[in-house]
Amino acid sequence: MTDLKINESQGIGAYRSYNQTVDLKNRGVSSPKKKDEVQISSEAKELAGAQGLAGSERADKIQSLKTEVASGAYFVDSGKIAEKLLPYLK
């Protein structure tokens, strides 16, 4: 049979923290609330703008591909696919 040791220091710390919070609330003192703040660099803003322009071009390309696939006019060059896969098969 083994002895069971109980470490109460963690439980007491949590209890004390809880009591301090309750005491502050009872006295009408609120803890200071921190506000989240985000700063976006000018480079990040520029990059986001460039991606927005590229995104509209991409959306046009995707719509064009969807139209081709739906109409049956989309052609897949199997030779190009095999060419791109070949390095992974060696």
N, C-alpha and C. Protein backbone atom coordinates (compact mmCIF):
# COMPACT_ATOMS: atom_id res chain seq x y z
N MET A 1 0.85 -1.16 0.00
CA MET A 1 0.00 0.00 0.00
C MET A 1 0.90 1.24 0.00
N THR A 2 0.56 2.23 -0.84
CA THR A 2 1.37 3.44 -0.91
C THR A 2 0.69 4.57 -0.16
N ASP A 3 1.53 5.48 0.35
CA ASP A 3 0.99 6.63 1.05
C ASP A 3 0.56 7.68 0.03
N LEU A 4 -0.54 8.29 0.28
CA LEU A 4 -1.06 9.33 -0.58
C LEU A 4 -0.74 10.68 0.04
N LYS A 5 0.01 11.50 -0.70
CA LYS A 5 0.36 12.82 -0.20
C LYS A 5 -0.49 13.85 -0.94
N ILE A 6 -1.00 14.77 -0.21
CA ILE A 6 -1.83 15.81 -0.80
C ILE A 6 -1.10 17.14 -0.63
N ASN A 7 -0.91 17.82 -1.72
CA ASN A 7 -0.26 19.13 -1.70
C ASN A 7 -1.36 20.17 -1.73
N GLU A 8 -1.57 20.83 -0.61
CA GLU A 8 -2.67 21.77 -0.50
C GLU A 8 -2.30 23.19 -0.92
N SER A 9 -1.05 23.44 -1.20
CA SER A 9 -0.64 24.81 -1.48
C SER A 9 -1.32 25.37 -2.72
N GLN A 10 -1.55 24.56 -3.73
CA GLN A 10 -2.21 25.04 -4.93
C GLN A 10 -3.68 25.35 -4.66
N GLY A 11 -4.33 24.53 -3.89
CA GLY A 11 -5.73 24.76 -3.56
C GLY A 11 -5.90 26.01 -2.72
N ILE A 12 -4.99 26.23 -1.80
CA ILE A 12 -5.07 27.41 -0.94
C ILE A 12 -4.86 28.67 -1.76
N GLY A 13 -3.92 28.64 -2.70
CA GLY A 13 -3.66 29.80 -3.55
C GLY A 13 -4.89 30.17 -4.37
N ALA A 14 -5.55 29.19 -4.92
CA ALA A 14 -6.76 29.45 -5.70
C ALA A 14 -7.85 30.00 -4.80
N TYR A 15 -7.96 29.47 -3.58
CA TYR A 15 -8.97 29.94 -2.63
C TYR A 15 -8.71 31.39 -2.25
N ARG A 16 -7.45 31.72 -2.00
CA ARG A 16 -7.10 33.10 -1.64
C ARG A 16 -7.41 34.05 -2.80
N SER A 17 -7.07 33.66 -4.00
CA SER A 17 -7.35 34.48 -5.17
C SER A 17 -8.85 34.72 -5.32
N TYR A 18 -9.61 33.68 -5.11
CA TYR A 18 -11.07 33.79 -5.19
C TYR A 18 -11.58 34.75 -4.11
N ASN A 19 -11.10 34.60 -2.90
CA ASN A 19 -11.54 35.47 -1.81
C ASN A 19 -11.18 36.93 -2.07
N GLN A 20 -10.00 37.19 -2.63
CA GLN A 20 -9.61 38.56 -2.94
C GLN A 20 -10.55 39.17 -3.98
N THR A 21 -10.91 38.38 -4.96
CA THR A 21 -11.83 38.86 -6.00
C THR A 21 -13.20 39.15 -5.41
N VAL A 22 -13.69 38.27 -4.55
CA VAL A 22 -14.98 38.48 -3.92
C VAL A 22 -14.95 39.71 -3.04
N ASP A 23 -13.86 39.90 -2.28
CA ASP A 23 -13.72 41.08 -1.42
C ASP A 23 -13.75 42.37 -2.24
N LEU A 24 -13.04 42.39 -3.36
CA LEU A 24 -13.03 43.58 -4.21
C LEU A 24 -14.42 43.88 -4.75
N LYS A 25 -15.13 42.84 -5.17
CA LYS A 25 -16.47 43.04 -5.70
C LYS A 25 -17.42 43.53 -4.62
N ASN A 26 -17.27 43.00 -3.40
CA ASN A 26 -18.14 43.42 -2.30
C ASN A 26 -17.90 44.87 -1.92
N ARG A 27 -16.66 45.34 -2.10
CA ARG A 27 -16.34 46.73 -1.78
C ARG A 27 -16.66 47.66 -2.94
N GLY A 28 -17.10 47.11 -4.05
CA GLY A 28 -17.44 47.93 -5.22
C GLY A 28 -16.25 48.33 -6.04
N VAL A 29 -15.12 47.68 -5.83
CA VAL A 29 -13.92 47.98 -6.59
C VAL A 29 -13.84 46.99 -7.74
N SER A 30 -13.77 47.53 -8.94
CA SER A 30 -13.65 46.62 -10.09
C SER A 30 -12.19 46.55 -10.51
N SER A 31 -11.81 45.41 -10.99
CA SER A 31 -10.44 45.25 -11.45
C SER A 31 -10.30 45.97 -12.78
N PRO A 32 -9.14 46.57 -13.01
CA PRO A 32 -8.96 47.30 -14.27
C PRO A 32 -9.03 46.34 -15.45
N LYS A 33 -9.80 46.73 -16.44
CA LYS A 33 -9.96 45.87 -17.62
C LYS A 33 -8.99 46.34 -18.69
N LYS A 34 -8.28 45.40 -19.23
CA LYS A 34 -7.34 45.71 -20.30
C LYS A 34 -8.06 45.61 -21.62
N LYS A 35 -7.75 46.52 -22.51
CA LYS A 35 -8.33 46.50 -23.83
C LYS A 35 -7.31 45.90 -24.79
N ASP A 36 -7.80 45.08 -25.69
CA ASP A 36 -6.93 44.53 -26.72
C ASP A 36 -6.62 45.61 -27.74
N GLU A 37 -5.42 45.57 -28.24
CA GLU A 37 -5.01 46.56 -29.21
C GLU A 37 -4.19 45.89 -30.30
N VAL A 38 -4.48 46.25 -31.54
CA VAL A 38 -3.77 45.70 -32.68
C VAL A 38 -3.21 46.84 -33.50
N GLN A 39 -1.97 46.71 -33.89
CA GLN A 39 -1.35 47.70 -34.76
C GLN A 39 -0.93 47.01 -36.05
N ILE A 40 -1.37 47.56 -37.17
CA ILE A 40 -1.05 46.98 -38.47
C ILE A 40 -0.08 47.92 -39.16
N SER A 41 1.05 47.37 -39.56
CA SER A 41 2.09 48.19 -40.20
C SER A 41 1.64 48.63 -41.58
N SER A 42 2.27 49.66 -42.08
CA SER A 42 1.94 50.17 -43.42
C SER A 42 2.27 49.12 -44.49
N GLU A 43 3.34 48.34 -44.25
CA GLU A 43 3.71 47.28 -45.19
C GLU A 43 2.61 46.22 -45.25
N ALA A 44 2.05 45.88 -44.10
CA ALA A 44 0.98 44.88 -44.06
C ALA A 44 -0.27 45.39 -44.77
N LYS A 45 -0.56 46.68 -44.58
CA LYS A 45 -1.71 47.27 -45.27
C LYS A 45 -1.51 47.25 -46.77
N GLU A 46 -0.29 47.56 -47.20
CA GLU A 46 0.02 47.55 -48.63
C GLU A 46 -0.11 46.14 -49.20
N LEU A 47 0.40 45.16 -48.47
CA LEU A 47 0.31 43.77 -48.90
C LEU A 47 -1.14 43.32 -48.99
N ALA A 48 -1.94 43.70 -48.01
CA ALA A 48 -3.36 43.33 -48.02
C ALA A 48 -4.07 43.94 -49.23
N GLY A 49 -3.71 45.17 -49.58
CA GLY A 49 -4.30 45.82 -50.75
C GLY A 49 -3.91 45.10 -52.03
N ALA A 50 -2.65 44.68 -52.12
CA ALA A 50 -2.18 43.98 -53.31
C ALA A 50 -2.86 42.62 -53.43
N GLN A 51 -3.08 41.96 -52.31
CA GLN A 51 -3.76 40.67 -52.34
C GLN A 51 -5.21 40.83 -52.75
N GLY A 52 -5.81 41.94 -52.39
CA GLY A 52 -7.19 42.20 -52.78
C GLY A 52 -7.33 42.31 -54.28
N LEU A 53 -6.36 42.98 -54.92
CA LEU A 53 -6.38 43.09 -56.38
C LEU A 53 -6.17 41.73 -57.02
N ALA A 54 -5.21 40.98 -56.51
CA ALA A 54 -4.94 39.66 -57.04
C ALA A 54 -6.12 38.73 -56.80
N GLY A 55 -6.83 38.95 -55.70
CA GLY A 55 -7.99 38.12 -55.37
C GLY A 55 -9.09 38.27 -56.38
N SER A 56 -9.30 39.48 -56.91
CA SER A 56 -10.35 39.67 -57.90
C SER A 56 -9.97 38.99 -59.22
N GLU A 57 -8.68 39.04 -59.57
CA GLU A 57 -8.21 38.32 -60.76
C GLU A 57 -8.39 36.82 -60.59
N ARG A 58 -8.09 36.36 -59.39
CA ARG A 58 -8.23 34.93 -59.10
C ARG A 58 -9.69 34.50 -59.17
N ALA A 59 -10.57 35.34 -58.63
CA ALA A 59 -12.00 35.01 -58.67
C ALA A 59 -12.49 34.94 -60.12
N ASP A 60 -12.00 35.84 -60.97
CA ASP A 60 -12.37 35.80 -62.39
C ASP A 60 -11.88 34.51 -63.04
N LYS A 61 -10.65 34.11 -62.71
CA LYS A 61 -10.07 32.89 -63.28
C LYS A 61 -10.86 31.66 -62.82
N ILE A 62 -11.23 31.63 -61.54
CA ILE A 62 -12.00 30.50 -61.01
C ILE A 62 -13.36 30.42 -61.68
N GLN A 63 -14.01 31.56 -61.85
CA GLN A 63 -15.32 31.57 -62.50
C GLN A 63 -15.20 31.08 -63.94
N SER A 64 -14.14 31.50 -64.63
CA SER A 64 -13.90 31.06 -66.00
C SER A 64 -13.72 29.54 -66.07
N LEU A 65 -12.94 29.00 -65.12
CA LEU A 65 -12.72 27.55 -65.08
C LEU A 65 -14.02 26.80 -64.78
N LYS A 66 -14.83 27.33 -63.87
CA LYS A 66 -16.11 26.69 -63.56
C LYS A 66 -17.00 26.63 -64.78
N THR A 67 -17.01 27.72 -65.54
CA THR A 67 -17.83 27.78 -66.76
C THR A 67 -17.35 26.75 -67.78
N GLU A 68 -16.02 26.66 -67.95
CA GLU A 68 -15.46 25.69 -68.90
C GLU A 68 -15.77 24.26 -68.48
N VAL A 69 -15.63 23.95 -67.20
CA VAL A 69 -15.90 22.59 -66.71
C VAL A 69 -17.37 22.26 -66.90
N ALA A 70 -18.27 23.20 -66.58
CA ALA A 70 -19.71 22.96 -66.70
C ALA A 70 -20.11 22.73 -68.15
N SER A 71 -19.46 23.43 -69.07
CA SER A 71 -19.83 23.29 -70.49
C SER A 71 -19.12 22.13 -71.17
N GLY A 72 -18.14 21.55 -70.48
CA GLY A 72 -17.39 20.43 -71.06
C GLY A 72 -16.24 20.89 -71.95
N ALA A 73 -15.91 22.17 -71.94
CA ALA A 73 -14.86 22.71 -72.79
C ALA A 73 -13.50 22.72 -72.09
N TYR A 74 -13.43 22.30 -70.82
CA TYR A 74 -12.17 22.32 -70.09
C TYR A 74 -11.32 21.14 -70.53
N PHE A 75 -10.06 21.42 -70.92
CA PHE A 75 -9.16 20.39 -71.41
C PHE A 75 -7.97 20.27 -70.45
N VAL A 76 -7.67 19.04 -70.07
CA VAL A 76 -6.53 18.76 -69.19
C VAL A 76 -5.44 18.13 -70.04
N ASP A 77 -4.26 18.76 -70.06
CA ASP A 77 -3.13 18.22 -70.81
C ASP A 77 -2.43 17.19 -69.93
N SER A 78 -2.68 15.92 -70.21
CA SER A 78 -2.12 14.85 -69.39
C SER A 78 -0.59 14.81 -69.46
N GLY A 79 -0.03 15.25 -70.57
CA GLY A 79 1.43 15.29 -70.70
C GLY A 79 2.06 16.26 -69.71
N LYS A 80 1.42 17.42 -69.51
CA LYS A 80 1.95 18.40 -68.54
C LYS A 80 1.82 17.88 -67.11
N ILE A 81 0.73 17.20 -66.83
CA ILE A 81 0.55 16.63 -65.49
C ILE A 81 1.61 15.57 -65.22
N ALA A 82 1.84 14.69 -66.20
CA ALA A 82 2.86 13.64 -66.04
C ALA A 82 4.24 14.26 -65.87
N GLU A 83 4.51 15.33 -66.60
CA GLU A 83 5.79 16.02 -66.50
C GLU A 83 6.04 16.57 -65.09
N LYS A 84 4.98 17.12 -64.50
CA LYS A 84 5.11 17.69 -63.14
C LYS A 84 5.21 16.60 -62.08
N LEU A 85 4.60 15.44 -62.31
CA LEU A 85 4.64 14.34 -61.34
C LEU A 85 5.92 13.52 -61.42
N LEU A 86 6.55 13.51 -62.56
CA LEU A 86 7.72 12.67 -62.78
C LEU A 86 8.83 12.85 -61.73
N PRO A 87 9.20 14.06 -61.32
CA PRO A 87 10.26 14.18 -60.31
C PRO A 87 9.92 13.52 -58.97
N TYR A 88 8.65 13.41 -58.65
CA TYR A 88 8.25 12.78 -57.38
C TYR A 88 8.27 11.26 -57.46
N LEU A 89 8.29 10.71 -58.66
CA LEU A 89 8.24 9.25 -58.82
C LEU A 89 9.62 8.63 -58.97
N LYS A 90 10.63 9.44 -59.11
CA LYS A 90 11.99 8.91 -59.28
C LYS A 90 12.61 8.54 -57.98
